[in-house]
Structure formats: structure tokens, C-alpha cells
Amino acid sequence: MAEKTDKGAEMKIIGDKSTNNIFENIKHIDEYGNEYWYARELQKVLEYKDWRNFQKVIDKANLSANNSNSTEEDWVVEINKPIKTGKGKEEFIKDYKLSRYICYLIVQNADPSKEVVALGQTYFAIQTRKQEITEQEYTSLSDDEKRFYQRRLTKQGNYTLQKVASSAGVKNMAEFHNAGYKGLYNGETADDIFKRKKLRYREDILDNMNEDELVANLFRINQTKQRLIKDNVQGEKEANAVHYEVGQKVRKAIADIGGR
């Protein structure tokens, strides 16, 4: 009996390690802390030799995502990736940046007879669950855990806001983000906040905000995004003005309810 238990435990460890290595090794993180996978790399891991067949799986997963009630955005982002041909010339092939959610749907729609697909279903199901948190679970978190959770939401919110701002015609993203900070922080830019907090080179101001400060910034970010979309704001100057105005209103609301 003891021998069976040991073997079972060993197999579980090997399985977990295999799952993590296979899909973790091809995971990428953007500058906003968001996970993504390249379709061409996922295709190889899932043992699809023909891109056309894998494209069908992606299309089916994308359709499922669009038909679901999920609020996640930018599941699939098409890109052109440069490759070297046998003759040393550079050509471009179509690829996609895939969110964790769409990867989860892809492995659900992939060939179930492949062992690696089953591993992928387990991996992405676990990763998806890690991103979900109930109100009761949030209440049970420590102060540091709450801060880390809010920081992740704020970074993701900034990424989505930047996409909306870009569609509105914003080119200078640093100036756009500073407009929001100026409104919320009574004229301070990101650099001013950095200096006031006495941060060291390459430290991120978001990593040095407490939970309440992160919540205020997330509210500013979400309200700005909604205003840009709802009012169909076009033009860099107009978008910056909206961001500044929203920041001011969030600051006033905090002051009105006795915050700082």
C-alpha cells in the first residue's frame, strides 16, 4: 500500500511539473503585467502541425468567447511576426496574442484525444480560477494581499484604458496618463508622485500605493474609459481633458466623504 501511495504521489508531482513547464515556458507578460500566449507557440505545444487546422480551433474559441457573458476584452490580437526563411530572407507570418481566457477556450475546443490537450485544460482551468475572487474571499485576504490584488486590477485597467485612448486618437500616452494623475493628485504628475514617495530608480508607483490609493486610481481609470466610450471622445486634447476632469471629480468625491 505504501508503495502505491508513493508512486501515485510521484506521478502527480511529475504531472503538475509537466503541465506547468509546458505552458509556463511559452507564457509572456506585457508591460502592464498581463499574461498572454502566442498562437504559433501554443499550436506547437498542442501538437497541431497544420496552422489552418489550429486556426479553426481559434475561430471556434473566439466565437464561444463572443457568445459568452464574459467582460474580458482583447481575447485575440492579430499581429504580423517576422521570420527568417531558409534563404536568409525575412518574411512576415500571421500570429495572434492570446489572453489566458481565450487559451482556456482553445484547449476546451482542441482535439481531446491528445494528452497535452488534457494537460492544457487542467492548466488553464487552474489559472482562470486563480484570477477569480469572491467578496468573501477578498475580505479574508491580508492587507498586503488586498493591495496586490488591487494593483493587478489597476495595471489591467490601465492597459484597457490605453487601448481606448489610442482609439480616441491619443498618441502621447505619458501625457494622457499624467492628465489623470494631475486631476486626482491636485496637479502632481507621475514623476512628482514618484519623487514624493522617494522611490528608487525603476520602482513603479503602483507598487508603492496602499489599497485605498489603488482603489481610487482604479475608479478614475474605469470612469475615464467609460466617458471616452460613452461620449465618443475624439482627439488627444479632448481625451486628456476628460481624464483630468474625471481625476478631479474622484478627488472631490474622496474629500467630500472625509478621505484624503
Protein backbone atom coordinates (compact mmCIF):
# COMPACT_ATOMS: atom_id res chain seq x y z
CA MET A 1 0.00 0.00 0.00
CA ALA A 2 2.80 2.40 0.90
CA GLU A 3 4.49 1.72 -2.42
CA LYS A 4 1.29 2.54 -4.36
CA THR A 5 0.87 5.81 -2.46
CA ASP A 6 4.44 6.84 -3.21
CA LYS A 7 4.06 6.09 -6.90
CA GLY A 8 0.77 7.96 -7.06
CA ALA A 9 2.33 10.99 -5.39
CA GLU A 10 5.30 10.81 -7.72
CA MET A 11 3.04 10.72 -10.79
CA LYS A 12 1.03 13.68 -9.52
CA ILE A 13 4.22 15.71 -8.99
CA ILE A 14 5.51 14.79 -12.43
CA GLY A 15 2.16 15.65 -14.00
CA ASP A 16 1.94 19.03 -12.28
CA LYS A 17 5.52 19.85 -13.19
CA SER A 18 4.95 18.81 -16.81
CA THR A 19 1.80 20.93 -17.06
CA ASN A 20 3.47 23.98 -15.55
CA ASN A 21 6.62 23.69 -17.64
CA ILE A 22 4.87 23.21 -20.95
CA PHE A 23 2.54 26.19 -20.71
CA GLU A 24 4.52 28.42 -18.35
CA ASN A 25 7.54 28.30 -20.65
CA ILE A 26 5.59 29.92 -23.50
CA LYS A 27 3.75 32.45 -21.35
CA HIS A 28 4.60 36.12 -21.90
CA ILE A 29 3.97 39.17 -19.69
CA ASP A 30 3.41 42.64 -21.16
CA GLU A 31 4.47 45.94 -19.58
CA TYR A 32 1.18 46.15 -17.70
CA GLY A 33 1.55 42.75 -16.05
CA ASN A 34 -0.96 40.99 -18.32
CA GLU A 35 -0.34 37.37 -19.34
CA TYR A 36 -0.55 36.33 -22.98
CA TRP A 37 0.45 33.46 -25.24
CA TYR A 38 1.41 33.46 -28.93
CA ALA A 39 -0.84 31.28 -31.08
CA ARG A 40 2.06 29.84 -33.09
CA GLU A 41 3.81 28.72 -29.91
CA LEU A 42 0.61 27.28 -28.46
CA GLN A 43 -0.02 25.47 -31.76
CA LYS A 44 3.27 23.60 -31.42
CA VAL A 45 2.70 22.74 -27.77
CA LEU A 46 -0.78 21.38 -28.57
CA GLU A 47 0.77 19.31 -31.38
CA TYR A 48 -1.10 20.86 -34.31
CA LYS A 49 1.11 20.51 -37.39
CA ASP A 50 -1.21 22.41 -39.73
CA TRP A 51 -1.82 26.11 -38.94
CA ARG A 52 -5.11 26.03 -40.87
CA ASN A 53 -6.50 23.37 -38.55
CA PHE A 54 -5.39 25.31 -35.48
CA GLN A 55 -6.91 28.49 -36.93
CA LYS A 56 -10.27 26.70 -36.91
CA VAL A 57 -9.85 25.97 -33.20
CA ILE A 58 -9.02 29.62 -32.51
CA ASP A 59 -12.05 30.79 -34.51
CA LYS A 60 -14.33 28.41 -32.63
CA ALA A 61 -12.94 29.57 -29.27
CA ASN A 62 -13.32 33.22 -30.27
CA LEU A 63 -16.94 32.60 -31.23
CA SER A 64 -17.55 30.97 -27.85
CA ALA A 65 -15.99 33.98 -26.11
CA ASN A 66 -18.13 36.46 -28.04
CA ASN A 67 -21.26 34.46 -27.24
CA SER A 68 -20.47 34.25 -23.54
CA ASN A 69 -21.20 36.76 -20.80
CA SER A 70 -17.54 37.39 -20.08
CA THR A 71 -16.46 41.04 -19.87
CA GLU A 72 -12.83 40.39 -20.72
CA GLU A 73 -11.59 42.36 -23.73
CA ASP A 74 -8.93 41.78 -26.39
CA TRP A 75 -9.07 37.99 -26.30
CA VAL A 76 -7.31 37.70 -29.67
CA VAL A 77 -4.99 40.36 -31.09
CA GLU A 78 -3.70 39.74 -34.61
CA ILE A 79 -0.03 40.55 -35.24
CA ASN A 80 2.49 40.05 -38.05
CA LYS A 81 5.56 38.19 -36.84
CA PRO A 82 8.88 38.36 -38.77
CA ILE A 83 10.59 35.04 -39.54
CA LYS A 84 13.76 34.05 -41.38
CA THR A 85 13.33 31.87 -44.45
CA GLY A 86 15.74 29.15 -45.50
CA LYS A 87 17.46 31.61 -47.82
CA GLY A 88 18.01 34.11 -45.01
CA LYS A 89 15.28 36.49 -46.12
CA GLU A 90 12.80 37.99 -43.69
CA GLU A 91 9.11 37.32 -44.19
CA PHE A 92 6.05 38.05 -42.07
CA ILE A 93 3.52 35.47 -40.96
CA LYS A 94 0.20 35.98 -39.19
CA ASP A 95 0.15 35.26 -35.49
CA TYR A 96 -2.07 36.15 -32.52
CA LYS A 97 -1.54 37.31 -28.97
CA LEU A 98 -3.97 35.26 -26.92
CA SER A 99 -5.36 36.09 -23.50
CA ARG A 100 -5.50 33.47 -20.76
CA TYR A 101 -9.29 33.28 -21.19
CA ILE A 102 -9.16 32.53 -24.91
CA CYS A 103 -6.41 29.94 -24.32
CA TYR A 104 -8.74 28.25 -21.86
CA LEU A 105 -11.45 28.11 -24.55
CA ILE A 106 -8.96 26.94 -27.18
CA VAL A 107 -7.91 23.91 -25.15
CA GLN A 108 -11.58 23.18 -24.46
CA ASN A 109 -12.17 23.10 -28.23
CA ALA A 110 -8.94 21.29 -29.16
CA ASP A 111 -8.56 17.60 -30.00
CA PRO A 112 -9.40 15.80 -26.71
CA SER A 113 -7.50 12.66 -27.78
CA LYS A 114 -4.17 14.46 -27.31
CA GLU A 115 -2.68 14.03 -23.83
CA VAL A 116 -1.20 17.52 -23.94
CA VAL A 117 -4.68 18.99 -24.53
CA ALA A 118 -5.88 17.40 -21.30
CA LEU A 119 -2.89 18.93 -19.53
CA GLY A 120 -3.76 22.30 -21.07
CA GLN A 121 -7.36 22.04 -19.90
CA THR A 122 -6.15 21.46 -16.35
CA TYR A 123 -3.56 24.25 -16.51
CA PHE A 124 -5.81 26.97 -17.91
CA ALA A 125 -8.73 25.97 -15.69
CA ILE A 126 -6.48 26.46 -12.65
CA GLN A 127 -5.08 29.74 -13.99
CA THR A 128 -8.58 31.03 -14.69
CA ARG A 129 -9.75 30.12 -11.20
CA LYS A 130 -6.77 31.95 -9.68
CA GLN A 131 -7.98 35.16 -11.29
CA GLU A 132 -11.45 34.87 -9.78
CA ILE A 133 -12.16 36.04 -6.26
CA THR A 134 -15.40 36.36 -4.33
CA GLU A 135 -16.27 39.12 -1.91
CA GLN A 136 -15.96 36.68 0.98
CA GLU A 137 -12.53 35.58 -0.21
CA TYR A 138 -11.44 39.22 -0.62
CA THR A 139 -12.49 40.03 2.96
CA SER A 140 -10.35 37.18 4.24
CA LEU A 141 -7.21 38.48 2.49
CA SER A 142 -4.46 40.21 4.44
CA ASP A 143 -3.79 43.92 3.81
CA ASP A 144 -0.81 43.09 1.60
CA GLU A 145 -2.83 40.51 -0.37
CA LYS A 146 -5.62 43.05 -0.92
CA ARG A 147 -3.06 45.58 -2.12
CA PHE A 148 -1.54 43.08 -4.56
CA TYR A 149 -5.00 42.19 -5.87
CA GLN A 150 -5.94 45.85 -6.39
CA ARG A 151 -2.57 46.54 -8.00
CA ARG A 152 -3.19 43.81 -10.58
CA LEU A 153 -6.66 45.19 -11.35
CA THR A 154 -5.24 48.72 -11.69
CA LYS A 155 -2.50 47.61 -14.07
CA GLN A 156 -5.01 45.71 -16.19
CA GLY A 157 -7.33 48.72 -16.11
CA ASN A 158 -4.53 50.97 -17.32
CA TYR A 159 -3.90 48.63 -20.23
CA THR A 160 -7.57 48.68 -21.30
CA LEU A 161 -7.77 52.47 -20.85
CA GLN A 162 -4.72 52.91 -23.03
CA LYS A 163 -6.37 50.89 -25.81
CA VAL A 164 -9.50 53.06 -25.62
CA ALA A 165 -7.42 56.26 -25.52
CA SER A 166 -5.44 55.14 -28.56
CA SER A 167 -8.68 54.60 -30.46
CA ALA A 168 -9.70 58.13 -29.47
CA GLY A 169 -6.55 59.50 -31.13
CA VAL A 170 -4.15 59.75 -28.21
CA LYS A 171 -0.51 59.46 -29.28
CA ASN A 172 1.36 60.74 -26.21
CA MET A 173 0.32 58.19 -23.59
CA ALA A 174 2.58 59.62 -20.89
CA GLU A 175 0.83 62.99 -21.18
CA PHE A 176 -2.57 61.30 -21.19
CA HIS A 177 -1.84 59.31 -18.01
CA ASN A 178 -0.39 62.42 -16.36
CA ALA A 179 -3.63 64.28 -17.06
CA GLY A 180 -5.47 61.78 -14.89
CA TYR A 181 -2.83 61.92 -12.17
CA LYS A 182 -2.92 65.72 -12.16
CA GLY A 183 -6.66 65.70 -11.63
CA LEU A 184 -6.55 63.12 -8.84
CA TYR A 185 -3.36 64.33 -7.16
CA ASN A 186 -4.00 68.09 -7.26
CA GLY A 187 -1.58 68.86 -10.09
CA GLU A 188 1.05 66.16 -9.48
CA THR A 189 2.37 64.16 -12.43
CA ALA A 190 3.57 60.55 -12.21
CA ASP A 191 7.12 61.88 -11.81
CA ASP A 192 6.02 64.18 -8.97
CA ILE A 193 4.35 61.25 -7.20
CA PHE A 194 7.50 59.17 -7.74
CA LYS A 195 9.64 61.87 -6.11
CA ARG A 196 7.21 62.50 -3.25
CA LYS A 197 7.20 58.80 -2.39
CA LYS A 198 11.03 58.87 -2.56
CA LEU A 199 11.15 55.87 -4.83
CA ARG A 200 14.31 54.44 -6.30
CA TYR A 201 15.15 54.15 -9.99
CA ARG A 202 12.82 51.80 -11.89
CA GLU A 203 10.40 51.40 -8.97
CA ASP A 204 6.74 51.50 -10.04
CA ILE A 205 4.48 53.98 -8.26
CA LEU A 206 1.60 51.48 -8.42
CA ASP A 207 3.72 49.02 -6.44
CA ASN A 208 4.03 51.65 -3.72
CA MET A 209 0.36 52.56 -3.26
CA ASN A 210 -1.82 51.25 -0.45
CA GLU A 211 -5.17 49.57 -1.06
CA ASP A 212 -7.24 52.78 -0.78
CA GLU A 213 -4.99 54.68 -3.18
CA LEU A 214 -5.13 51.85 -5.71
CA VAL A 215 -8.94 51.70 -5.45
CA ALA A 216 -9.15 55.46 -6.11
CA ASN A 217 -6.92 55.14 -9.18
CA LEU A 218 -8.89 52.15 -10.46
CA PHE A 219 -12.11 54.16 -10.11
CA ARG A 220 -10.51 57.04 -12.05
CA ILE A 221 -9.34 54.64 -14.76
CA ASN A 222 -12.70 52.91 -15.19
CA GLN A 223 -14.70 56.15 -15.17
CA THR A 224 -12.39 57.71 -17.76
CA LYS A 225 -12.71 54.67 -20.00
CA GLN A 226 -16.50 54.81 -19.78
CA ARG A 227 -16.55 58.57 -20.53
CA LEU A 228 -14.31 58.19 -23.57
CA ILE A 229 -16.53 55.44 -24.96
CA LYS A 230 -19.93 56.89 -24.00
CA ASP A 231 -19.17 60.41 -25.28
CA ASN A 232 -17.28 59.10 -28.31
CA VAL A 233 -14.37 61.41 -27.46
CA GLN A 234 -12.02 62.05 -30.37
CA GLY A 235 -8.71 63.89 -30.27
CA GLU A 236 -5.76 63.93 -27.91
CA LYS A 237 -6.59 67.26 -26.30
CA GLU A 238 -10.19 66.25 -25.65
CA ALA A 239 -9.20 62.86 -24.19
CA ASN A 240 -6.63 64.47 -21.87
CA ALA A 241 -9.25 66.96 -20.69
CA VAL A 242 -11.69 64.14 -19.89
CA HIS A 243 -9.03 62.25 -17.95
CA TYR A 244 -8.11 65.36 -15.95
CA GLU A 245 -11.77 66.16 -15.21
CA VAL A 246 -12.52 62.62 -14.03
CA GLY A 247 -9.43 62.70 -11.81
CA GLN A 248 -10.61 65.96 -10.25
CA LYS A 249 -14.10 64.58 -9.60
CA VAL A 250 -12.72 61.45 -7.95
CA ARG A 251 -10.51 63.64 -5.74
CA LYS A 252 -13.50 65.81 -4.79
CA ALA A 253 -15.64 62.74 -4.03
CA ILE A 254 -12.95 61.40 -1.71
CA ALA A 255 -12.70 64.77 0.04
CA ASP A 256 -16.50 65.05 0.36
CA ILE A 257 -16.74 61.74 2.21
CA GLY A 258 -13.90 62.61 4.53
CA GLY A 259 -10.98 60.94 2.78
CA ARG A 260 -7.66 62.49 1.87
